[in-house]
Amino acid sequence: MKKYGQADLMIFLICQYISEQMKDVPQSQKKQIEERCYNEITASYPTSREWEMIR
């Protein structure tokens, strides 16, 4: 069960990093980066919701 919630944590950390560290980047580009990261993370790791549905 090491992977439980791992995707959720990574998505949260990416969003925090983008909002705090990428202040000079336009909002539209931030949104694209978030979407790309979200897609890559969810492709590799299940979210908590997906883990619950598997059970």
Protein backbone atom coordinates (compact mmCIF):
# COMPACT_ATOMS: atom_id res chain seq x y z
CA MET A 1 0.00 0.00 0.00
CA LYS A 2 2.94 2.35 -0.44
CA LYS A 3 1.36 3.89 -3.52
CA TYR A 4 -1.90 4.85 -1.77
CA GLY A 5 -2.27 8.61 -2.01
CA GLN A 6 1.08 9.04 -3.75
CA ALA A 7 -0.46 10.56 -6.88
CA ASP A 8 -2.53 12.96 -4.81
CA LEU A 9 0.54 14.13 -2.92
CA MET A 10 2.56 14.61 -6.11
CA ILE A 11 -0.24 16.59 -7.76
CA PHE A 12 -0.56 18.81 -4.69
CA LEU A 13 3.19 19.44 -4.56
CA ILE A 14 3.36 20.26 -8.27
CA CYS A 15 0.51 22.76 -7.94
CA GLN A 16 2.18 24.36 -4.93
CA TYR A 17 5.50 24.59 -6.73
CA ILE A 18 3.93 26.14 -9.81
CA SER A 19 1.97 28.72 -7.83
CA GLU A 20 4.88 29.72 -5.58
CA GLN A 21 7.98 29.35 -7.75
CA MET A 22 6.74 30.17 -11.23
CA LYS A 23 5.35 33.64 -10.59
CA ASP A 24 6.75 35.10 -13.82
CA VAL A 25 5.09 32.46 -16.02
CA PRO A 26 1.76 33.41 -17.65
CA GLN A 27 -1.36 31.80 -16.20
CA SER A 28 -2.19 29.97 -19.43
CA GLN A 29 1.23 28.36 -19.49
CA LYS A 30 0.93 27.39 -15.81
CA LYS A 31 -2.35 25.65 -16.61
CA GLN A 32 -0.73 23.69 -19.44
CA ILE A 33 2.13 22.62 -17.19
CA GLU A 34 -0.30 21.51 -14.47
CA GLU A 35 -2.36 19.50 -16.96
CA ARG A 36 0.71 17.82 -18.43
CA CYS A 37 2.04 16.93 -14.96
CA TYR A 38 -1.39 15.68 -13.86
CA ASN A 39 -1.66 13.42 -16.91
CA GLU A 40 1.82 11.99 -16.43
CA ILE A 41 1.31 11.37 -12.71
CA THR A 42 -2.09 9.71 -13.11
CA ALA A 43 -0.71 7.53 -15.91
CA SER A 44 1.94 6.16 -13.55
CA TYR A 45 0.19 6.14 -10.16
CA PRO A 46 -3.43 5.64 -9.11
CA THR A 47 -5.14 8.37 -7.11
CA SER A 48 -6.74 7.67 -3.72
CA ARG A 49 -10.16 7.59 -5.37
CA GLU A 50 -8.97 4.96 -7.87
CA TRP A 51 -7.49 2.86 -5.05
CA GLU A 52 -10.84 2.93 -3.24
CA MET A 53 -12.69 1.86 -6.36
CA ILE A 54 -10.26 -1.03 -6.91
CA ARG A 55 -10.96 -2.39 -3.46
